Amino acid sequence: MNVLHIDSSILGENSASRALTARIVARLRRDNPGAAVTYRDLAAEELPHFSARSLQGQANEAERNARTLAEFRQRTRW
């Protein structure tokens, strides 16, 4: 089982959704010990959709975005 755990709330430790997803992933890990979990915090490390730098392929934005998209596709089997 592959799990892509994504948090995006800017509320950090005060986020109800972060607490909920952490509990869900903990239960998935308990029930599926071999599960591969990848964690992404989009509030801490933003993925800009379109910026001048990403369109020009500068500052590693384009590479990072492509890598994250490939990771998502791999985990979701698209």
PDB file of N, CA and C in Angstrom:
ATOM      1  N   MET A   1       0.850  -1.176   0.000  1.00  0.00           N
ATOM      2  CA  MET A   1       0.000   0.000   0.000  1.00  0.00           C
ATOM      3  C   MET A   1       0.890   1.231   0.000  1.00  0.00           C
ATOM      4  N   ASN A   2       0.585   2.172  -0.866  1.00  0.00           N
ATOM      5  CA  ASN A   2       1.270   3.459  -0.919  1.00  0.00           C
ATOM      6  C   ASN A   2       0.339   4.543  -0.398  1.00  0.00           C
ATOM      7  N   VAL A   3       0.849   5.388   0.480  1.00  0.00           N
ATOM      8  CA  VAL A   3       0.063   6.481   1.056  1.00  0.00           C
ATOM      9  C   VAL A   3       0.811   7.784   0.825  1.00  0.00           C
ATOM     10  N   LEU A   4       0.136   8.746   0.242  1.00  0.00           N
ATOM     11  CA  LEU A   4       0.684  10.085   0.102  1.00  0.00           C
ATOM     12  C   LEU A   4      -0.076  10.969   1.073  1.00  0.00           C
ATOM     13  N   HIS A   5       0.574  11.319   2.181  1.00  0.00           N
ATOM     14  CA  HIS A   5      -0.028  12.113   3.257  1.00  0.00           C
ATOM     15  C   HIS A   5       0.314  13.573   2.998  1.00  0.00           C
ATOM     16  N   ILE A   6      -0.710  14.373   2.708  1.00  0.00           N
ATOM     17  CA  ILE A   6      -0.508  15.780   2.393  1.00  0.00           C
ATOM     18  C   ILE A   6      -1.198  16.641   3.438  1.00  0.00           C
ATOM     19  N   ASP A   7      -0.426  17.538   4.050  1.00  0.00           N
ATOM     20  CA  ASP A   7      -0.981  18.566   4.929  1.00  0.00           C
ATOM     21  C   ASP A   7      -0.795  19.903   4.235  1.00  0.00           C
ATOM     22  N   SER A   8      -1.774  20.800   4.420  1.00  0.00           N
ATOM     23  CA  SER A   8      -1.647  22.114   3.783  1.00  0.00           C
ATOM     24  C   SER A   8      -2.148  23.253   4.667  1.00  0.00           C
ATOM     25  N   SER A   9      -2.645  22.938   5.829  1.00  0.00           N
ATOM     26  CA  SER A   9      -3.166  23.980   6.708  1.00  0.00           C
ATOM     27  C   SER A   9      -2.047  24.870   7.233  1.00  0.00           C
ATOM     28  N   ILE A  10      -2.268  26.175   7.216  1.00  0.00           N
ATOM     29  CA  ILE A  10      -1.291  27.122   7.731  1.00  0.00           C
ATOM     30  C   ILE A  10      -1.373  27.262   9.247  1.00  0.00           C
ATOM     31  N   LEU A  11      -2.304  26.553   9.874  1.00  0.00           N
ATOM     32  CA  LEU A  11      -2.504  26.669  11.315  1.00  0.00           C
ATOM     33  C   LEU A  11      -1.530  25.826  12.138  1.00  0.00           C
ATOM     34  N   GLY A  12      -0.718  25.029  11.480  1.00  0.00           N
ATOM     35  CA  GLY A  12       0.283  24.229  12.195  1.00  0.00           C
ATOM     36  C   GLY A  12      -0.319  23.337  13.253  1.00  0.00           C
ATOM     37  N   GLU A  13       0.213  23.418  14.463  1.00  0.00           N
ATOM     38  CA  GLU A  13      -0.238  22.573  15.573  1.00  0.00           C
ATOM     39  C   GLU A  13      -1.696  22.830  15.970  1.00  0.00           C
ATOM     40  N   ASN A  14      -2.260  23.948  15.550  1.00  0.00           N
ATOM     41  CA  ASN A  14      -3.645  24.275  15.877  1.00  0.00           C
ATOM     42  C   ASN A  14      -4.633  23.780  14.823  1.00  0.00           C
ATOM     43  N   SER A  15      -4.165  23.042  13.865  1.00  0.00           N
ATOM     44  CA  SER A  15      -5.000  22.580  12.753  1.00  0.00           C
ATOM     45  C   SER A  15      -5.740  21.297  13.095  1.00  0.00           C
ATOM     46  N   ALA A  16      -7.044  21.321  12.964  1.00  0.00           N
ATOM     47  CA  ALA A  16      -7.851  20.117  13.188  1.00  0.00           C
ATOM     48  C   ALA A  16      -7.616  19.108  12.071  1.00  0.00           C
ATOM     49  N   SER A  17      -7.444  19.581  10.835  1.00  0.00           N
ATOM     50  CA  SER A  17      -7.244  18.652   9.727  1.00  0.00           C
ATOM     51  C   SER A  17      -5.903  17.936   9.831  1.00  0.00           C
ATOM     52  N   ARG A  18      -4.871  18.608  10.324  1.00  0.00           N
ATOM     53  CA  ARG A  18      -3.577  17.948  10.510  1.00  0.00           C
ATOM     54  C   ARG A  18      -3.682  16.853  11.563  1.00  0.00           C
ATOM     55  N   ALA A  19      -4.389  17.126  12.632  1.00  0.00           N
ATOM     56  CA  ALA A  19      -4.574  16.111  13.675  1.00  0.00           C
ATOM     57  C   ALA A  19      -5.347  14.917  13.128  1.00  0.00           C
ATOM     58  N   LEU A  20      -6.368  15.202  12.334  1.00  0.00           N
ATOM     59  CA  LEU A  20      -7.184  14.131  11.756  1.00  0.00           C
ATOM     60  C   LEU A  20      -6.369  13.275  10.789  1.00  0.00           C
ATOM     61  N   THR A  21      -5.627  13.911   9.872  1.00  0.00           N
ATOM     62  CA  THR A  21      -4.856  13.121   8.912  1.00  0.00           C
ATOM     63  C   THR A  21      -3.755  12.327   9.607  1.00  0.00           C
ATOM     64  N   ALA A  22      -3.167  12.874  10.659  1.00  0.00           N
ATOM     65  CA  ALA A  22      -2.141  12.135  11.405  1.00  0.00           C
ATOM     66  C   ALA A  22      -2.744  10.869  12.023  1.00  0.00           C
ATOM     67  N   ARG A  23      -3.949  10.982  12.558  1.00  0.00           N
ATOM     68  CA  ARG A  23      -4.611   9.810  13.150  1.00  0.00           C
ATOM     69  C   ARG A  23      -4.961   8.778  12.084  1.00  0.00           C
ATOM     70  N   ILE A  24      -5.422   9.250  10.934  1.00  0.00           N
ATOM     71  CA  ILE A  24      -5.774   8.333   9.844  1.00  0.00           C
ATOM     72  C   ILE A  24      -4.537   7.572   9.374  1.00  0.00           C
ATOM     73  N   VAL A  25      -3.443   8.293   9.163  1.00  0.00           N
ATOM     74  CA  VAL A  25      -2.212   7.650   8.695  1.00  0.00           C
ATOM     75  C   VAL A  25      -1.666   6.695   9.752  1.00  0.00           C
ATOM     76  N   ALA A  26      -1.746   7.062  11.014  1.00  0.00           N
ATOM     77  CA  ALA A  26      -1.290   6.169  12.085  1.00  0.00           C
ATOM     78  C   ALA A  26      -2.093   4.868  12.065  1.00  0.00           C
ATOM     79  N   ARG A  27      -3.381   4.971  11.847  1.00  0.00           N
ATOM     80  CA  ARG A  27      -4.222   3.771  11.805  1.00  0.00           C
ATOM     81  C   ARG A  27      -3.894   2.927  10.561  1.00  0.00           C
ATOM     82  N   LEU A  28      -3.695   3.594   9.417  1.00  0.00           N
ATOM     83  CA  LEU A  28      -3.309   2.867   8.207  1.00  0.00           C
ATOM     84  C   LEU A  28      -2.001   2.114   8.408  1.00  0.00           C
ATOM     85  N   ARG A  29      -1.039   2.774   9.050  1.00  0.00           N
ATOM     86  CA  ARG A  29       0.246   2.116   9.323  1.00  0.00           C
ATOM     87  C   ARG A  29       0.070   0.937  10.271  1.00  0.00           C
ATOM     88  N   ARG A  30      -0.776   1.109  11.267  1.00  0.00           N
ATOM     89  CA  ARG A  30      -1.013   0.020  12.221  1.00  0.00           C
ATOM     90  C   ARG A  30      -1.640  -1.181  11.515  1.00  0.00           C
ATOM     91  N   ASP A  31      -2.626  -0.913  10.662  1.00  0.00           N
ATOM     92  CA  ASP A  31      -3.344  -1.985   9.973  1.00  0.00           C
ATOM     93  C   ASP A  31      -2.584  -2.544   8.772  1.00  0.00           C
ATOM     94  N   ASN A  32      -1.620  -1.792   8.264  1.00  0.00           N
ATOM     95  CA  ASN A  32      -0.829  -2.193   7.095  1.00  0.00           C
ATOM     96  C   ASN A  32       0.638  -1.905   7.375  1.00  0.00           C
ATOM     97  N   PRO A  33       1.314  -2.753   8.146  1.00  0.00           N
ATOM     98  CA  PRO A  33       2.687  -2.478   8.566  1.00  0.00           C
ATOM     99  C   PRO A  33       3.659  -2.239   7.417  1.00  0.00           C
ATOM    100  N   GLY A  34       3.401  -2.783   6.248  1.00  0.00           N
ATOM    101  CA  GLY A  34       4.296  -2.604   5.109  1.00  0.00           C
ATOM    102  C   GLY A  34       3.989  -1.376   4.270  1.00  0.00           C
ATOM    103  N   ALA A  35       3.049  -0.560   4.713  1.00  0.00           N
ATOM    104  CA  ALA A  35       2.654   0.613   3.921  1.00  0.00           C
ATOM    105  C   ALA A  35       3.816   1.589   3.769  1.00  0.00           C
ATOM    106  N   ALA A  36       3.972   2.100   2.562  1.00  0.00           N
ATOM    107  CA  ALA A  36       4.983   3.123   2.282  1.00  0.00           C
ATOM    108  C   ALA A  36       4.288   4.476   2.350  1.00  0.00           C
ATOM    109  N   VAL A  37       4.703   5.307   3.306  1.00  0.00           N
ATOM    110  CA  VAL A  37       4.069   6.604   3.516  1.00  0.00           C
ATOM    111  C   VAL A  37       5.039   7.711   3.120  1.00  0.00           C
ATOM    112  N   THR A  38       4.560   8.588   2.247  1.00  0.00           N
ATOM    113  CA  THR A  38       5.308   9.785   1.867  1.00  0.00           C
ATOM    114  C   THR A  38       4.542  10.973   2.418  1.00  0.00           C
ATOM    115  N   TYR A  39       5.236  11.852   3.111  1.00  0.00           N
ATOM    116  CA  TYR A  39       4.589  13.005   3.741  1.00  0.00           C
ATOM    117  C   TYR A  39       5.013  14.290   3.046  1.00  0.00           C
ATOM    118  N   ARG A  40       4.046  15.148   2.761  1.00  0.00           N
ATOM    119  CA  ARG A  40       4.304  16.467   2.189  1.00  0.00           C
ATOM    120  C   ARG A  40       3.518  17.505   2.983  1.00  0.00           C
ATOM    121  N   ASP A  41       4.205  18.577   3.362  1.00  0.00           N
ATOM    122  CA  ASP A  41       3.580  19.696   4.062  1.00  0.00           C
ATOM    123  C   ASP A  41       3.622  20.897   3.117  1.00  0.00           C
ATOM    124  N   LEU A  42       2.506  21.159   2.469  1.00  0.00           N
ATOM    125  CA  LEU A  42       2.461  22.219   1.461  1.00  0.00           C
ATOM    126  C   LEU A  42       2.422  23.614   2.068  1.00  0.00           C
ATOM    127  N   ALA A  43       2.183  23.720   3.364  1.00  0.00           N
ATOM    128  CA  ALA A  43       2.273  25.026   4.016  1.00  0.00           C
ATOM    129  C   ALA A  43       3.742  25.363   4.279  1.00  0.00           C
ATOM    130  N   ALA A  44       4.539  24.343   4.576  1.00  0.00           N
ATOM    131  CA  ALA A  44       5.958  24.552   4.855  1.00  0.00           C
ATOM    132  C   ALA A  44       6.771  24.658   3.571  1.00  0.00           C
ATOM    133  N   GLU A  45       6.382  23.896   2.557  1.00  0.00           N
ATOM    134  CA  GLU A  45       7.099  23.910   1.281  1.00  0.00           C
ATOM    135  C   GLU A  45       6.074  24.026   0.162  1.00  0.00           C
ATOM    136  N   GLU A  46       5.810  25.248  -0.227  1.00  0.00           N
ATOM    137  CA  GLU A  46       4.786  25.518  -1.237  1.00  0.00           C
ATOM    138  C   GLU A  46       5.186  24.982  -2.601  1.00  0.00           C
ATOM    139  N   LEU A  47       4.173  24.619  -3.367  1.00  0.00           N
ATOM    140  CA  LEU A  47       4.371  24.241  -4.759  1.00  0.00           C
ATOM    141  C   LEU A  47       3.626  25.261  -5.619  1.00  0.00           C
ATOM    142  N   PRO A  48       4.323  26.264  -6.107  1.00  0.00           N
ATOM    143  CA  PRO A  48       3.633  27.270  -6.925  1.00  0.00           C
ATOM    144  C   PRO A  48       3.136  26.656  -8.226  1.00  0.00           C
ATOM    145  N   HIS A  49       1.931  27.007  -8.612  1.00  0.00           N
ATOM    146  CA  HIS A  49       1.370  26.475  -9.849  1.00  0.00           C
ATOM    147  C   HIS A  49       2.054  27.106 -11.050  1.00  0.00           C
ATOM    148  N   PHE A  50       2.003  28.400 -11.119  1.00  0.00           N
ATOM    149  CA  PHE A  50       2.634  29.115 -12.219  1.00  0.00           C
ATOM    150  C   PHE A  50       3.331  30.341 -11.665  1.00  0.00           C
ATOM    151  N   SER A  51       4.580  30.430 -11.944  1.00  0.00           N
ATOM    152  CA  SER A  51       5.326  31.625 -11.600  1.00  0.00           C
ATOM    153  C   SER A  51       6.286  31.874 -12.746  1.00  0.00           C
ATOM    154  N   ALA A  52       6.802  33.064 -12.813  1.00  0.00           N
ATOM    155  CA  ALA A  52       7.754  33.369 -13.875  1.00  0.00           C
ATOM    156  C   ALA A  52       8.947  32.428 -13.800  1.00  0.00           C
ATOM    157  N   ARG A  53       9.419  32.146 -12.575  1.00  0.00           N
ATOM    158  CA  ARG A  53      10.583  31.266 -12.424  1.00  0.00           C
ATOM    159  C   ARG A  53      10.271  29.839 -12.854  1.00  0.00           C
ATOM    160  N   SER A  54       9.083  29.331 -12.496  1.00  0.00           N
ATOM    161  CA  SER A  54       8.787  27.951 -12.873  1.00  0.00           C
ATOM    162  C   SER A  54       8.571  27.824 -14.374  1.00  0.00           C
ATOM    163  N   LEU A  55       7.975  28.837 -14.998  1.00  0.00           N
ATOM    164  CA  LEU A  55       7.778  28.786 -16.443  1.00  0.00           C
ATOM    165  C   LEU A  55       9.100  28.904 -17.189  1.00  0.00           C
ATOM    166  N   GLN A  56      10.052  29.572 -16.609  1.00  0.00           N
ATOM    167  CA  GLN A  56      11.364  29.718 -17.233  1.00  0.00           C
ATOM    168  C   GLN A  56      12.311  28.590 -16.832  1.00  0.00           C
ATOM    169  N   GLY A  57      11.873  27.727 -15.914  1.00  0.00           N
ATOM    170  CA  GLY A  57      12.701  26.619 -15.472  1.00  0.00           C
ATOM    171  C   GLY A  57      13.819  27.044 -14.539  1.00  0.00           C
ATOM    172  N   GLN A  58      13.642  28.146 -13.849  1.00  0.00           N
ATOM    173  CA  GLN A  58      14.678  28.659 -12.965  1.00  0.00           C
ATOM    174  C   GLN A  58      14.440  28.253 -11.523  1.00  0.00           C
ATOM    175  N   ALA A  59      15.491  28.387 -10.731  1.00  0.00           N
ATOM    176  CA  ALA A  59      15.444  28.244  -9.270  1.00  0.00           C
ATOM    177  C   ALA A  59      14.888  26.904  -8.815  1.00  0.00           C
ATOM    178  N   ASN A  60      15.038  25.888  -9.623  1.00  0.00           N
ATOM    179  CA  ASN A  60      14.619  24.523  -9.288  1.00  0.00           C
ATOM    180  C   ASN A  60      13.114  24.368  -9.082  1.00  0.00           C
ATOM    181  N   GLU A  61      12.324  25.418  -9.295  1.00  0.00           N
ATOM    182  CA  GLU A  61      10.873  25.296  -9.113  1.00  0.00           C
ATOM    183  C   GLU A  61      10.279  24.301 -10.087  1.00  0.00           C
ATOM    184  N   ALA A  62      10.648  24.412 -11.358  1.00  0.00           N
ATOM    185  CA  ALA A  62      10.091  23.512 -12.367  1.00  0.00           C
ATOM    186  C   ALA A  62      10.466  22.067 -12.058  1.00  0.00           C
ATOM    187  N   GLU A  63      11.711  21.841 -11.674  1.00  0.00           N
ATOM    188  CA  GLU A  63      12.171  20.488 -11.350  1.00  0.00           C
ATOM    189  C   GLU A  63      11.439  19.943 -10.126  1.00  0.00           C
ATOM    190  N   ARG A  64      11.314  20.759  -9.098  1.00  0.00           N
ATOM    191  CA  ARG A  64      10.633  20.318  -7.877  1.00  0.00           C
ATOM    192  C   ARG A  64       9.168  20.014  -8.161  1.00  0.00           C
ATOM    193  N   ASN A  65       8.512  20.866  -8.947  1.00  0.00           N
ATOM    194  CA  ASN A  65       7.106  20.637  -9.283  1.00  0.00           C
ATOM    195  C   ASN A  65       6.939  19.349 -10.087  1.00  0.00           C
ATOM    196  N   ALA A  66       7.830  19.123 -11.061  1.00  0.00           N
ATOM    197  CA  ALA A  66       7.761  17.906 -11.871  1.00  0.00           C
ATOM    198  C   ALA A  66       7.998  16.675 -11.008  1.00  0.00           C
ATOM    199  N   ARG A  67       8.947  16.749 -10.086  1.00  0.00           N
ATOM    200  CA  ARG A  67       9.252  15.633  -9.191  1.00  0.00           C
ATOM    201  C   ARG A  67       8.052  15.320  -8.296  1.00  0.00           C
ATOM    202  N   THR A  68       7.404  16.362  -7.780  1.00  0.00           N
ATOM    203  CA  THR A  68       6.247  16.157  -6.908  1.00  0.00           C
ATOM    204  C   THR A  68       5.072  15.577  -7.681  1.00  0.00           C
ATOM    205  N   LEU A  69       4.860  16.048  -8.907  1.00  0.00           N
ATOM    206  CA  LEU A  69       3.790  15.501  -9.734  1.00  0.00           C
ATOM    207  C   LEU A  69       4.048  14.029 -10.042  1.00  0.00           C
ATOM    208  N   ALA A  70       5.286  13.684 -10.361  1.00  0.00           N
ATOM    209  CA  ALA A  70       5.629  12.283 -10.636  1.00  0.00           C
ATOM    210  C   ALA A  70       5.390  11.430  -9.396  1.00  0.00           C
ATOM    211  N   GLU A  71       5.736  11.961  -8.237  1.00  0.00           N
ATOM    212  CA  GLU A  71       5.516  11.244  -6.980  1.00  0.00           C
ATOM    213  C   GLU A  71       4.026  11.006  -6.754  1.00  0.00           C
ATOM    214  N   PHE A  72       3.219  12.034  -6.988  1.00  0.00           N
ATOM    215  CA  PHE A  72       1.776  11.906  -6.827  1.00  0.00           C
ATOM    216  C   PHE A  72       1.218  10.836  -7.776  1.00  0.00           C
ATOM    217  N   ARG A  73       1.649  10.903  -9.027  1.00  0.00           N
ATOM    218  CA  ARG A  73       1.167   9.920 -10.000  1.00  0.00           C
ATOM    219  C   ARG A  73       1.581   8.501  -9.618  1.00  0.00           C
ATOM    220  N   GLN A  74       2.789   8.347  -9.117  1.00  0.00           N
ATOM    221  CA  GLN A  74       3.254   7.024  -8.704  1.00  0.00           C
ATOM    222  C   GLN A  74       2.424   6.497  -7.538  1.00  0.00           C
ATOM    223  N   ARG A  75       2.162   7.363  -6.579  1.00  0.00           N
ATOM    224  CA  ARG A  75       1.430   6.930  -5.380  1.00  0.00           C
ATOM    225  C   ARG A  75      -0.042   6.668  -5.686  1.00  0.00           C
ATOM    226  N   THR A  76      -0.602   7.351  -6.672  1.00  0.00           N
ATOM    227  CA  THR A  76      -2.018   7.189  -6.961  1.00  0.00           C
ATOM    228  C   THR A  76      -2.256   6.290  -8.179  1.00  0.00           C
ATOM    229  N   ARG A  77      -1.169   5.860  -8.805  1.00  0.00           N
ATOM    230  CA  ARG A  77      -1.222   4.977  -9.974  1.00  0.00           C
ATOM    231  C   ARG A  77      -2.018   5.576 -11.121  1.00  0.00           C
ATOM    232  N   TRP A  78      -1.746   6.822 -11.435  1.00  0.00           N
ATOM    233  CA  TRP A  78      -2.384   7.489 -12.576  1.00  0.00           C
ATOM    234  C   TRP A  78      -1.634   7.203 -13.813  1.00  0.00           C
TER     235      TRP A  78
END
